[in-house]
């Protein structure tokens, strides 16, 4: 009796098993993908609404959230979006997908919601941003530092970059104390933490009266023009010692003519001083305005710090003498994050 040929049957069985396996694989993958996309689309909105900082941080890669202070930053971002956004919270997700800025938010965070390839053609959603290095002077190694009530040490602050957000520092070094509000926008720019400074008050006669801060209402006394300087340009300001300078002495428009350590373009191209505000114009038409509520002189670095009650960081500036095109001129000297800029009044 001839043997039956079982090859067609075996082939059919193998084909059925193979089709079933492939179908099951794609069902699992695409079903999970669809589920993930759905939960991802609605999950971010819920995270923002519930101000869930832990879940918010999970949407970034681990390298971005390595700092022990990341949760503080995340909380401040979610609070800002909830309290200040003028667009519906459910629309923030689309705004971030389109690399936009959340309308009405107090701070303009650079955060994007993007698709990333997980494997082959399968994609996943995640948030991306840039962290910033916090430059901490070595003299703060012995300082008592808290951030929004959380005690931190020097090594914690310098070990990892800061996640975007608002950080309120309180620093005590010896008998000196200071509070500093640091805002990280997610643009990768470094921020310098400063040691508490000895502040000097000027009274109506321009005399030092102690270590309290002086407000903008304090009058300053004009001093005679320095005859030893070659101020032959009519738009040169009258030179005054930094300890005597107020906002009125710097009023006007200033243009950058020289800089140092400015490879990253940190220095603004123009600065406009008025009695109550400072407007700085950077490259690509980026503009910042700092209100002036107090002027604080630091003996430590012989610099004036202009501060607004609602501004995150002080604006460091003073009058100085510098040789420009072979002539000594009175210039505005501005310091920011270790970079220097010198400006001529226009």
C-alpha atoms as a PDB file:
ATOM      1  CA  UNK A   1       0.000   0.000   0.000  1.00  0.00           C
ATOM      2  CA  UNK A   2       1.587   3.313  -1.025  1.00  0.00           C
ATOM      3  CA  UNK A   3       2.482   5.793   1.740  1.00  0.00           C
ATOM      4  CA  UNK A   4       0.375   8.907   2.010  1.00  0.00           C
ATOM      5  CA  UNK A   5       2.076  12.218   1.363  1.00  0.00           C
ATOM      6  CA  UNK A   6       1.630  14.282   4.552  1.00  0.00           C
ATOM      7  CA  UNK A   7       3.712  17.241   3.361  1.00  0.00           C
ATOM      8  CA  UNK A   8       0.754  19.381   2.187  1.00  0.00           C
ATOM      9  CA  UNK A   9      -0.983  18.873   5.540  1.00  0.00           C
ATOM     10  CA  UNK A  10       2.155  19.733   7.486  1.00  0.00           C
ATOM     11  CA  UNK A  11       2.653  22.798   5.313  1.00  0.00           C
ATOM     12  CA  UNK A  12      -0.926  23.950   5.963  1.00  0.00           C
ATOM     13  CA  UNK A  13      -0.540  23.455   9.716  1.00  0.00           C
ATOM     14  CA  UNK A  14       2.727  25.399   9.764  1.00  0.00           C
ATOM     15  CA  UNK A  15       1.158  28.169   7.685  1.00  0.00           C
ATOM     16  CA  UNK A  16      -1.851  28.422  10.025  1.00  0.00           C
ATOM     17  CA  UNK A  17       0.393  28.541  13.103  1.00  0.00           C
ATOM     18  CA  UNK A  18       2.611  31.156  11.482  1.00  0.00           C
ATOM     19  CA  UNK A  19      -0.335  33.359  10.491  1.00  0.00           C
ATOM     20  CA  UNK A  20      -1.810  33.026  13.972  1.00  0.00           C
ATOM     21  CA  UNK A  21       1.510  33.922  15.569  1.00  0.00           C
ATOM     22  CA  UNK A  22       2.014  36.956  13.343  1.00  0.00           C
ATOM     23  CA  UNK A  23      -1.577  38.071  13.834  1.00  0.00           C
ATOM     24  CA  UNK A  24      -1.316  37.682  17.580  1.00  0.00           C
ATOM     25  CA  UNK A  25       1.965  39.580  17.658  1.00  0.00           C
ATOM     26  CA  UNK A  26       0.588  42.527  15.709  1.00  0.00           C
ATOM     27  CA  UNK A  27      -2.619  42.509  17.733  1.00  0.00           C
ATOM     28  CA  UNK A  28      -0.661  42.687  20.960  1.00  0.00           C
ATOM     29  CA  UNK A  29       1.752  45.320  19.681  1.00  0.00           C
ATOM     30  CA  UNK A  30      -0.761  47.564  17.918  1.00  0.00           C
ATOM     31  CA  UNK A  31      -3.371  47.060  20.622  1.00  0.00           C
ATOM     32  CA  UNK A  32      -0.865  48.074  23.271  1.00  0.00           C
ATOM     33  CA  UNK A  33       0.350  50.930  21.102  1.00  0.00           C
ATOM     34  CA  UNK A  34      -3.169  52.242  20.619  1.00  0.00           C
ATOM     35  CA  UNK A  35      -3.825  51.903  24.310  1.00  0.00           C
ATOM     36  CA  UNK A  36      -0.567  53.675  25.129  1.00  0.00           C
ATOM     37  CA  UNK A  37      -1.303  56.478  22.690  1.00  0.00           C
ATOM     38  CA  UNK A  38      -4.769  56.935  24.165  1.00  0.00           C
ATOM     39  CA  UNK A  39      -3.558  56.903  27.743  1.00  0.00           C
ATOM     40  CA  UNK A  40      -0.614  59.114  26.796  1.00  0.00           C
ATOM     41  CA  UNK A  41      -2.856  61.673  25.143  1.00  0.00           C
ATOM     42  CA  UNK A  42      -5.165  61.914  28.155  1.00  0.00           C
ATOM     43  CA  UNK A  43      -2.496  61.162  30.789  1.00  0.00           C
ATOM     44  CA  UNK A  44      -0.546  64.386  30.380  1.00  0.00           C
ATOM     45  CA  UNK A  45      -3.675  66.481  30.781  1.00  0.00           C
ATOM     46  CA  UNK A  46      -4.594  64.598  33.961  1.00  0.00           C
ATOM     47  CA  UNK A  47      -1.064  64.972  35.290  1.00  0.00           C
ATOM     48  CA  UNK A  48      -1.229  68.742  34.774  1.00  0.00           C
ATOM     49  CA  UNK A  49      -4.712  69.022  36.270  1.00  0.00           C
ATOM     50  CA  UNK A  50      -3.747  66.955  39.318  1.00  0.00           C
ATOM     51  CA  UNK A  51      -0.339  68.653  39.574  1.00  0.00           C
ATOM     52  CA  UNK A  52       1.234  65.205  39.872  1.00  0.00           C
ATOM     53  CA  UNK A  53       4.941  66.020  39.888  1.00  0.00           C
ATOM     54  CA  UNK A  54       6.070  62.389  40.181  1.00  0.00           C
ATOM     55  CA  UNK A  55       4.169  61.266  37.073  1.00  0.00           C
ATOM     56  CA  UNK A  56       5.220  64.418  35.231  1.00  0.00           C
ATOM     57  CA  UNK A  57       8.894  63.616  35.830  1.00  0.00           C
ATOM     58  CA  UNK A  58       8.383  60.044  34.578  1.00  0.00           C
ATOM     59  CA  UNK A  59       7.571  61.462  31.149  1.00  0.00           C
ATOM     60  CA  UNK A  60      11.178  62.707  30.822  1.00  0.00           C
ATOM     61  CA  UNK A  61      14.256  60.528  30.440  1.00  0.00           C
ATOM     62  CA  UNK A  62      16.129  59.699  33.638  1.00  0.00           C
ATOM     63  CA  UNK A  63      19.158  61.809  32.690  1.00  0.00           C
ATOM     64  CA  UNK A  64      17.001  64.941  32.664  1.00  0.00           C
ATOM     65  CA  UNK A  65      15.588  64.336  36.159  1.00  0.00           C
ATOM     66  CA  UNK A  66      18.750  63.209  37.993  1.00  0.00           C
ATOM     67  CA  UNK A  67      18.845  66.219  40.334  1.00  0.00           C
ATOM     68  CA  UNK A  68      17.429  65.588  43.800  1.00  0.00           C
ATOM     69  CA  UNK A  69      15.581  68.906  43.428  1.00  0.00           C
ATOM     70  CA  UNK A  70      13.741  67.976  40.219  1.00  0.00           C
ATOM     71  CA  UNK A  71      10.425  67.474  42.009  1.00  0.00           C
ATOM     72  CA  UNK A  72      10.542  71.051  43.310  1.00  0.00           C
ATOM     73  CA  UNK A  73      10.965  72.339  39.767  1.00  0.00           C
ATOM     74  CA  UNK A  74       8.240  70.064  38.400  1.00  0.00           C
ATOM     75  CA  UNK A  75       5.761  71.236  41.059  1.00  0.00           C
ATOM     76  CA  UNK A  76       6.412  74.879  40.199  1.00  0.00           C
ATOM     77  CA  UNK A  77       5.825  74.267  36.472  1.00  0.00           C
ATOM     78  CA  UNK A  78       2.530  72.447  37.026  1.00  0.00           C
ATOM     79  CA  UNK A  79       1.401  75.129  39.485  1.00  0.00           C
ATOM     80  CA  UNK A  80       2.246  77.867  36.967  1.00  0.00           C
ATOM     81  CA  UNK A  81       0.308  76.148  34.179  1.00  0.00           C
ATOM     82  CA  UNK A  82      -2.699  75.575  36.438  1.00  0.00           C
ATOM     83  CA  UNK A  83      -2.854  79.044  37.943  1.00  0.00           C
ATOM     84  CA  UNK A  84      -1.727  81.261  35.081  1.00  0.00           C
ATOM     85  CA  UNK A  85      -2.430  79.541  31.759  1.00  0.00           C
ATOM     86  CA  UNK A  86      -5.006  81.397  29.675  1.00  0.00           C
ATOM     87  CA  UNK A  87      -5.586  78.359  27.468  1.00  0.00           C
ATOM     88  CA  UNK A  88      -7.601  75.298  28.413  1.00  0.00           C
ATOM     89  CA  UNK A  89      -5.443  72.779  30.261  1.00  0.00           C
ATOM     90  CA  UNK A  90      -6.570  70.077  27.838  1.00  0.00           C
ATOM     91  CA  UNK A  91      -4.955  72.114  25.022  1.00  0.00           C
ATOM     92  CA  UNK A  92      -1.529  72.361  26.680  1.00  0.00           C
ATOM     93  CA  UNK A  93      -0.621  68.923  25.343  1.00  0.00           C
ATOM     94  CA  UNK A  94      -1.156  70.085  21.741  1.00  0.00           C
ATOM     95  CA  UNK A  95       0.755  73.287  22.468  1.00  0.00           C
ATOM     96  CA  UNK A  96       3.773  71.301  23.651  1.00  0.00           C
ATOM     97  CA  UNK A  97       3.521  68.959  20.648  1.00  0.00           C
ATOM     98  CA  UNK A  98       3.762  71.974  18.356  1.00  0.00           C
ATOM     99  CA  UNK A  99       6.773  73.316  20.267  1.00  0.00           C
ATOM    100  CA  UNK A 100       4.688  76.265  21.392  1.00  0.00           C
ATOM    101  CA  UNK A 101       4.612  78.269  24.598  1.00  0.00           C
ATOM    102  CA  UNK A 102       1.814  77.923  27.129  1.00  0.00           C
ATOM    103  CA  UNK A 103      -0.196  81.145  26.847  1.00  0.00           C
ATOM    104  CA  UNK A 104      -0.436  83.237  30.002  1.00  0.00           C
ATOM    105  CA  UNK A 105       2.104  81.177  31.952  1.00  0.00           C
ATOM    106  CA  UNK A 106       4.378  83.231  34.163  1.00  0.00           C
ATOM    107  CA  UNK A 107       7.490  81.508  32.816  1.00  0.00           C
ATOM    108  CA  UNK A 108       8.240  80.554  29.217  1.00  0.00           C
ATOM    109  CA  UNK A 109       9.479  76.981  29.668  1.00  0.00           C
ATOM    110  CA  UNK A 110      11.135  75.177  26.740  1.00  0.00           C
ATOM    111  CA  UNK A 111       9.390  71.826  27.020  1.00  0.00           C
ATOM    112  CA  UNK A 112       8.345  69.689  24.035  1.00  0.00           C
ATOM    113  CA  UNK A 113       6.013  66.695  23.755  1.00  0.00           C
ATOM    114  CA  UNK A 114       7.431  64.447  21.047  1.00  0.00           C
ATOM    115  CA  UNK A 115       7.122  61.018  19.459  1.00  0.00           C
ATOM    116  CA  UNK A 116      10.134  58.737  19.677  1.00  0.00           C
ATOM    117  CA  UNK A 117      10.760  55.432  17.910  1.00  0.00           C
ATOM    118  CA  UNK A 118      10.617  52.579  20.372  1.00  0.00           C
ATOM    119  CA  UNK A 119      11.336  49.715  17.932  1.00  0.00           C
ATOM    120  CA  UNK A 120      10.969  49.418  14.166  1.00  0.00           C
ATOM    121  CA  UNK A 121       7.861  51.414  13.255  1.00  0.00           C
ATOM    122  CA  UNK A 122       6.448  51.622  16.766  1.00  0.00           C
ATOM    123  CA  UNK A 123       6.489  55.011  18.472  1.00  0.00           C
ATOM    124  CA  UNK A 124       6.211  56.330  21.993  1.00  0.00           C
ATOM    125  CA  UNK A 125       5.455  59.768  23.476  1.00  0.00           C
ATOM    126  CA  UNK A 126       7.674  61.624  25.919  1.00  0.00           C
ATOM    127  CA  UNK A 127       8.546  65.106  27.143  1.00  0.00           C
ATOM    128  CA  UNK A 128      11.942  66.660  26.450  1.00  0.00           C
ATOM    129  CA  UNK A 129      13.750  69.741  27.744  1.00  0.00           C
ATOM    130  CA  UNK A 130      17.244  70.990  28.610  1.00  0.00           C
ATOM    131  CA  UNK A 131      18.698  71.134  32.105  1.00  0.00           C
ATOM    132  CA  UNK A 132      20.961  73.905  33.394  1.00  0.00           C
ATOM    133  CA  UNK A 133      24.183  73.875  35.343  1.00  0.00           C
ATOM    134  CA  UNK A 134      24.026  75.692  38.676  1.00  0.00           C
ATOM    135  CA  UNK A 135      27.343  77.439  39.284  1.00  0.00           C
ATOM    136  CA  UNK A 136      27.944  77.485  43.046  1.00  0.00           C
ATOM    137  CA  UNK A 137      30.911  79.448  44.494  1.00  0.00           C
ATOM    138  CA  UNK A 138      33.264  77.296  46.567  1.00  0.00           C
ATOM    139  CA  UNK A 139      32.783  79.643  49.525  1.00  0.00           C
ATOM    140  CA  UNK A 140      29.272  78.180  49.888  1.00  0.00           C
ATOM    141  CA  UNK A 141      30.653  74.758  50.824  1.00  0.00           C
ATOM    142  CA  UNK A 142      30.199  75.722  54.473  1.00  0.00           C
ATOM    143  CA  UNK A 143      26.923  77.584  53.995  1.00  0.00           C
ATOM    144  CA  UNK A 144      23.544  76.504  55.329  1.00  0.00           C
ATOM    145  CA  UNK A 145      21.367  76.228  52.202  1.00  0.00           C
ATOM    146  CA  UNK A 146      17.689  75.370  51.828  1.00  0.00           C
ATOM    147  CA  UNK A 147      15.603  75.208  48.659  1.00  0.00           C
ATOM    148  CA  UNK A 148      11.877  75.711  49.227  1.00  0.00           C
ATOM    149  CA  UNK A 149      12.372  74.446  52.780  1.00  0.00           C
ATOM    150  CA  UNK A 150      14.491  71.422  51.795  1.00  0.00           C
ATOM    151  CA  UNK A 151      18.033  71.437  53.191  1.00  0.00           C
ATOM    152  CA  UNK A 152      20.732  70.718  50.599  1.00  0.00           C
ATOM    153  CA  UNK A 153      24.512  70.697  50.607  1.00  0.00           C
ATOM    154  CA  UNK A 154      27.140  71.904  48.174  1.00  0.00           C
ATOM    155  CA  UNK A 155      27.720  68.508  46.563  1.00  0.00           C
ATOM    156  CA  UNK A 156      24.001  68.002  45.881  1.00  0.00           C
ATOM    157  CA  UNK A 157      23.806  71.345  44.078  1.00  0.00           C
ATOM    158  CA  UNK A 158      26.869  70.728  41.917  1.00  0.00           C
ATOM    159  CA  UNK A 159      26.444  67.008  41.190  1.00  0.00           C
ATOM    160  CA  UNK A 160      23.642  67.249  38.605  1.00  0.00           C
ATOM    161  CA  UNK A 161      22.107  69.938  36.409  1.00  0.00           C
ATOM    162  CA  UNK A 162      18.831  71.512  37.484  1.00  0.00           C
ATOM    163  CA  UNK A 163      15.514  70.501  35.959  1.00  0.00           C
ATOM    164  CA  UNK A 164      13.378  73.449  34.731  1.00  0.00           C
ATOM    165  CA  UNK A 165      11.281  75.281  37.289  1.00  0.00           C
ATOM    166  CA  UNK A 166      11.419  77.869  40.071  1.00  0.00           C
ATOM    167  CA  UNK A 167      13.768  77.325  43.010  1.00  0.00           C
ATOM    168  CA  UNK A 168      13.733  79.571  46.083  1.00  0.00           C
ATOM    169  CA  UNK A 169      17.117  79.457  47.802  1.00  0.00           C
ATOM    170  CA  UNK A 170      17.794  80.628  51.342  1.00  0.00           C
ATOM    171  CA  UNK A 171      21.505  80.888  52.109  1.00  0.00           C
ATOM    172  CA  UNK A 172      23.170  81.577  55.448  1.00  0.00           C
ATOM    173  CA  UNK A 173      26.932  81.996  55.543  1.00  0.00           C
ATOM    174  CA  UNK A 174      28.280  83.122  58.886  1.00  0.00           C
ATOM    175  CA  UNK A 175      26.253  86.160  59.948  1.00  0.00           C
ATOM    176  CA  UNK A 176      25.117  86.970  56.421  1.00  0.00           C
ATOM    177  CA  UNK A 177      21.882  85.704  54.885  1.00  0.00           C
ATOM    178  CA  UNK A 178      20.254  86.022  51.483  1.00  0.00           C
ATOM    179  CA  UNK A 179      17.307  84.680  49.529  1.00  0.00           C
ATOM    180  CA  UNK A 180      17.602  84.047  45.812  1.00  0.00           C
ATOM    181  CA  UNK A 181      14.943  82.982  43.350  1.00  0.00           C
ATOM    182  CA  UNK A 182      16.409  80.942  40.509  1.00  0.00           C
ATOM    183  CA  UNK A 183      14.337  80.196  37.401  1.00  0.00           C
ATOM    184  CA  UNK A 184      15.421  77.452  34.996  1.00  0.00           C
ATOM    185  CA  UNK A 185      13.574  77.768  31.667  1.00  0.00           C
ATOM    186  CA  UNK A 186      14.831  74.637  29.924  1.00  0.00           C
ATOM    187  CA  UNK A 187      17.088  76.522  27.502  1.00  0.00           C
ATOM    188  CA  UNK A 188      20.325  75.042  28.843  1.00  0.00           C
ATOM    189  CA  UNK A 189      21.788  78.327  30.077  1.00  0.00           C
ATOM    190  CA  UNK A 190      23.784  78.095  33.300  1.00  0.00           C
ATOM    191  CA  UNK A 191      22.807  80.079  36.390  1.00  0.00           C
ATOM    192  CA  UNK A 192      25.153  81.362  39.093  1.00  0.00           C
ATOM    193  CA  UNK A 193      24.234  81.215  42.765  1.00  0.00           C
ATOM    194  CA  UNK A 194      25.818  84.084  44.701  1.00  0.00           C
ATOM    195  CA  UNK A 195      27.052  84.212  48.273  1.00  0.00           C
ATOM    196  CA  UNK A 196      25.268  86.537  50.725  1.00  0.00           C
ATOM    197  CA  UNK A 197      26.646  90.034  50.299  1.00  0.00           C
ATOM    198  CA  UNK A 198      27.250  92.905  52.669  1.00  0.00           C
ATOM    199  CA  UNK A 199      24.770  95.556  51.579  1.00  0.00           C
ATOM    200  CA  UNK A 200      25.336  99.285  52.035  1.00  0.00           C
ATOM    201  CA  UNK A 201      22.556 101.875  52.297  1.00  0.00           C
ATOM    202  CA  UNK A 202      22.976 105.355  50.860  1.00  0.00           C
ATOM    203  CA  UNK A 203      21.203 108.178  52.640  1.00  0.00           C
ATOM    204  CA  UNK A 204      20.165 111.488  51.113  1.00  0.00           C
ATOM    205  CA  UNK A 205      23.739 112.783  51.480  1.00  0.00           C
ATOM    206  CA  UNK A 206      25.204 109.809  49.680  1.00  0.00           C
ATOM    207  CA  UNK A 207      26.782 108.460  52.872  1.00  0.00           C
ATOM    208  CA  UNK A 208      26.920 104.793  53.862  1.00  0.00           C
ATOM    209  CA  UNK A 209      24.539 104.191  56.766  1.00  0.00           C
ATOM    210  CA  UNK A 210      24.666 100.449  57.413  1.00  0.00           C
ATOM    211  CA  UNK A 211      23.908  97.080  55.911  1.00  0.00           C
ATOM    212  CA  UNK A 212      20.217  97.400  55.046  1.00  0.00           C
ATOM    213  CA  UNK A 213      18.973  97.755  51.500  1.00  0.00           C
ATOM    214  CA  UNK A 214      18.016 101.077  49.963  1.00  0.00           C
ATOM    215  CA  UNK A 215      14.908 101.589  47.881  1.00  0.00           C
ATOM    216  CA  UNK A 216      14.572 103.499  44.647  1.00  0.00           C
ATOM    217  CA  UNK A 217      13.118 106.431  46.563  1.00  0.00           C
ATOM    218  CA  UNK A 218      16.489 107.108  48.185  1.00  0.00           C
ATOM    219  CA  UNK A 219      18.039 110.140  46.581  1.00  0.00           C
ATOM    220  CA  UNK A 220      21.614 110.130  45.367  1.00  0.00           C
ATOM    221  CA  UNK A 221      23.964 113.092  45.144  1.00  0.00           C
ATOM    222  CA  UNK A 222      25.512 113.993  41.806  1.00  0.00           C
ATOM    223  CA  UNK A 223      29.300 114.253  41.954  1.00  0.00           C
ATOM    224  CA  UNK A 224      31.428 116.520  39.753  1.00  0.00           C
ATOM    225  CA  UNK A 225      32.661 115.114  36.470  1.00  0.00           C
ATOM    226  CA  UNK A 226      35.989 113.338  36.832  1.00  0.00           C
ATOM    227  CA  UNK A 227      38.527 115.628  35.146  1.00  0.00           C
ATOM    228  CA  UNK A 228      41.136 112.860  34.931  1.00  0.00           C
ATOM    229  CA  UNK A 229      39.156 110.776  32.463  1.00  0.00           C
ATOM    230  CA  UNK A 230      39.107 111.451  28.743  1.00  0.00           C
ATOM    231  CA  UNK A 231      35.343 111.852  28.463  1.00  0.00           C
ATOM    232  CA  UNK A 232      35.340 113.736  25.195  1.00  0.00           C
ATOM    233  CA  UNK A 233      32.106 112.164  23.912  1.00  0.00           C
ATOM    234  CA  UNK A 234      28.978 114.164  24.606  1.00  0.00           C
ATOM    235  CA  UNK A 235      26.948 111.051  25.376  1.00  0.00           C
ATOM    236  CA  UNK A 236      29.357 109.775  28.049  1.00  0.00           C
ATOM    237  CA  UNK A 237      27.693 109.717  31.463  1.00  0.00           C
ATOM    238  CA  UNK A 238      29.232 111.353  34.506  1.00  0.00           C
ATOM    239  CA  UNK A 239      31.353 108.789  36.296  1.00  0.00           C
ATOM    240  CA  UNK A 240      30.249 107.913  39.825  1.00  0.00           C
ATOM    241  CA  UNK A 241      31.544 105.367  42.277  1.00  0.00           C
ATOM    242  CA  UNK A 242      29.363 102.203  42.315  1.00  0.00           C
ATOM    243  CA  UNK A 243      28.411 102.836  45.949  1.00  0.00           C
ATOM    244  CA  UNK A 244      26.765 106.107  44.861  1.00  0.00           C
ATOM    245  CA  UNK A 245      25.056 104.995  41.650  1.00  0.00           C
ATOM    246  CA  UNK A 246      21.266 104.865  41.337  1.00  0.00           C
ATOM    247  CA  UNK A 247      18.944 104.025  38.453  1.00  0.00           C
ATOM    248  CA  UNK A 248      18.725 107.699  37.435  1.00  0.00           C
ATOM    249  CA  UNK A 249      22.476 107.783  36.795  1.00  0.00           C
ATOM    250  CA  UNK A 250      22.130 104.952  34.263  1.00  0.00           C
ATOM    251  CA  UNK A 251      18.975 106.174  32.525  1.00  0.00           C
ATOM    252  CA  UNK A 252      19.106 105.850  28.747  1.00  0.00           C
ATOM    253  CA  UNK A 253      19.944 103.391  25.994  1.00  0.00           C
ATOM    254  CA  UNK A 254      23.203 101.454  26.087  1.00  0.00           C
ATOM    255  CA  UNK A 255      24.819  99.449  23.266  1.00  0.00           C
ATOM    256  CA  UNK A 256      27.275  96.549  23.685  1.00  0.00           C
ATOM    257  CA  UNK A 257      30.775  97.507  22.465  1.00  0.00           C
ATOM    258  CA  UNK A 258      33.008  94.951  24.207  1.00  0.00           C
ATOM    259  CA  UNK A 259      32.633  91.712  26.168  1.00  0.00           C
ATOM    260  CA  UNK A 260      34.518  88.940  27.925  1.00  0.00           C
ATOM    261  CA  UNK A 261      33.613  85.236  28.308  1.00  0.00           C
ATOM    262  CA  UNK A 262      30.650  85.862  26.028  1.00  0.00           C
ATOM    263  CA  UNK A 263      31.077  83.015  23.544  1.00  0.00           C
ATOM    264  CA  UNK A 264      27.535  81.773  24.273  1.00  0.00           C
ATOM    265  CA  UNK A 265      25.985  85.196  23.644  1.00  0.00           C
ATOM    266  CA  UNK A 266      24.823  85.688  27.232  1.00  0.00           C
ATOM    267  CA  UNK A 267      25.278  89.459  27.147  1.00  0.00           C
ATOM    268  CA  UNK A 268      22.330  91.505  25.808  1.00  0.00           C
ATOM    269  CA  UNK A 269      22.990  93.571  22.697  1.00  0.00           C
ATOM    270  CA  UNK A 270      21.292  96.646  24.148  1.00  0.00           C
ATOM    271  CA  UNK A 271      20.180  97.707  27.629  1.00  0.00           C
ATOM    272  CA  UNK A 272      17.633 100.416  28.394  1.00  0.00           C
ATOM    273  CA  UNK A 273      17.540 101.862  31.918  1.00  0.00           C
ATOM    274  CA  UNK A 274      14.638 103.885  33.272  1.00  0.00           C
ATOM    275  CA  UNK A 275      13.801 105.004  36.799  1.00  0.00           C
ATOM    276  CA  UNK A 276      11.767 101.868  37.504  1.00  0.00           C
ATOM    277  CA  UNK A 277      12.853  99.148  35.042  1.00  0.00           C
ATOM    278  CA  UNK A 278      15.667  97.623  32.985  1.00  0.00           C
ATOM    279  CA  UNK A 279      14.964  96.250  29.495  1.00  0.00           C
ATOM    280  CA  UNK A 280      17.590  93.979  27.931  1.00  0.00           C
ATOM    281  CA  UNK A 281      17.431  93.004  24.251  1.00  0.00           C
ATOM    282  CA  UNK A 282      19.260  89.822  23.247  1.00  0.00           C
ATOM    283  CA  UNK A 283      19.906  88.154  19.897  1.00  0.00           C
ATOM    284  CA  UNK A 284      16.896  86.813  17.956  1.00  0.00           C
ATOM    285  CA  UNK A 285      14.708  89.603  19.417  1.00  0.00           C
ATOM    286  CA  UNK A 286      14.587  88.005  22.868  1.00  0.00           C
ATOM    287  CA  UNK A 287      13.689  90.686  25.422  1.00  0.00           C
ATOM    288  CA  UNK A 288      13.574  90.696  29.221  1.00  0.00           C
ATOM    289  CA  UNK A 289      12.388  93.419  31.581  1.00  0.00           C
ATOM    290  CA  UNK A 290      13.469  93.682  35.213  1.00  0.00           C
ATOM    291  CA  UNK A 291      11.492  96.029  37.484  1.00  0.00           C
ATOM    292  CA  UNK A 292      13.623  98.099  39.868  1.00  0.00           C
ATOM    293  CA  UNK A 293      12.429  98.196  43.460  1.00  0.00           C
ATOM    294  CA  UNK A 294      15.771  98.206  45.281  1.00  0.00           C
ATOM    295  CA  UNK A 295      19.389  99.048  44.520  1.00  0.00           C
ATOM    296  CA  UNK A 296      21.885  97.092  46.606  1.00  0.00           C
ATOM    297  CA  UNK A 297      25.605  97.820  46.594  1.00  0.00           C
ATOM    298  CA  UNK A 298      27.998  94.946  47.323  1.00  0.00           C
ATOM    299  CA  UNK A 299      31.350  95.833  48.857  1.00  0.00           C
ATOM    300  CA  UNK A 300      32.569  92.331  48.039  1.00  0.00           C
ATOM    301  CA  UNK A 301      32.628  92.841  44.264  1.00  0.00           C
ATOM    302  CA  UNK A 302      32.104  96.636  44.102  1.00  0.00           C
ATOM    303  CA  UNK A 303      28.920  96.204  42.066  1.00  0.00           C
ATOM    304  CA  UNK A 304      25.326  97.465  42.190  1.00  0.00           C
ATOM    305  CA  UNK A 305      22.488  94.919  42.135  1.00  0.00           C
ATOM    306  CA  UNK A 306      19.144  96.163  40.800  1.00  0.00           C
ATOM    307  CA  UNK A 307      16.298  94.016  42.089  1.00  0.00           C
ATOM    308  CA  UNK A 308      12.552  93.868  41.516  1.00  0.00           C
ATOM    309  CA  UNK A 309      10.160  92.363  44.048  1.00  0.00           C
ATOM    310  CA  UNK A 310       8.754  90.047  41.355  1.00  0.00           C
ATOM    311  CA  UNK A 311      11.948  89.478  39.345  1.00  0.00           C
ATOM    312  CA  UNK A 312      13.798  86.156  39.696  1.00  0.00           C
ATOM    313  CA  UNK A 313      17.398  87.374  39.654  1.00  0.00           C
ATOM    314  CA  UNK A 314      19.166  90.680  40.371  1.00  0.00           C
ATOM    315  CA  UNK A 315      20.642  92.691  37.493  1.00  0.00           C
ATOM    316  CA  UNK A 316      24.318  93.468  38.166  1.00  0.00           C
ATOM    317  CA  UNK A 317      25.596  96.731  36.668  1.00  0.00           C
ATOM    318  CA  UNK A 318      27.766  99.729  37.490  1.00  0.00           C
ATOM    319  CA  UNK A 319      29.572 102.633  35.862  1.00  0.00           C
ATOM    320  CA  UNK A 320      33.190 101.933  34.972  1.00  0.00           C
ATOM    321  CA  UNK A 321      36.059 103.388  32.968  1.00  0.00           C
ATOM    322  CA  UNK A 322      37.313 101.433  29.974  1.00  0.00           C
ATOM    323  CA  UNK A 323      39.453 102.163  26.945  1.00  0.00           C
ATOM    324  CA  UNK A 324      37.339 102.000  23.790  1.00  0.00           C
ATOM    325  CA  UNK A 325      39.023 102.655  20.420  1.00  0.00           C
ATOM    326  CA  UNK A 326      42.069 104.098  22.148  1.00  0.00           C
ATOM    327  CA  UNK A 327      40.127 106.495  24.391  1.00  0.00           C
ATOM    328  CA  UNK A 328      39.065 106.104  27.991  1.00  0.00           C
ATOM    329  CA  UNK A 329      35.297 106.189  28.192  1.00  0.00           C
ATOM    330  CA  UNK A 330      32.726 105.918  30.953  1.00  0.00           C
ATOM    331  CA  UNK A 331      30.767 102.754  30.237  1.00  0.00           C
ATOM    332  CA  UNK A 332      28.045 100.630  31.744  1.00  0.00           C
ATOM    333  CA  UNK A 333      29.566  97.363  32.974  1.00  0.00           C
ATOM    334  CA  UNK A 334      27.170  94.412  33.217  1.00  0.00           C
ATOM    335  CA  UNK A 335      27.995  91.040  34.812  1.00  0.00           C
ATOM    336  CA  UNK A 336      25.955  87.878  34.251  1.00  0.00           C
ATOM    337  CA  UNK A 337      26.896  84.215  34.833  1.00  0.00           C
ATOM    338  CA  UNK A 338      30.633  84.919  34.716  1.00  0.00           C
ATOM    339  CA  UNK A 339      30.400  86.961  31.488  1.00  0.00           C
ATOM    340  CA  UNK A 340      31.127  90.689  31.243  1.00  0.00           C
ATOM    341  CA  UNK A 341      29.712  93.271  28.862  1.00  0.00           C
ATOM    342  CA  UNK A 342      30.640  96.926  28.426  1.00  0.00           C
ATOM    343  CA  UNK A 343      28.141  99.373  26.945  1.00  0.00           C
ATOM    344  CA  UNK A 344      28.269 102.926  25.621  1.00  0.00           C
ATOM    345  CA  UNK A 345      25.334 105.250  26.077  1.00  0.00           C
ATOM    346  CA  UNK A 346      23.641 106.019  22.746  1.00  0.00           C
END
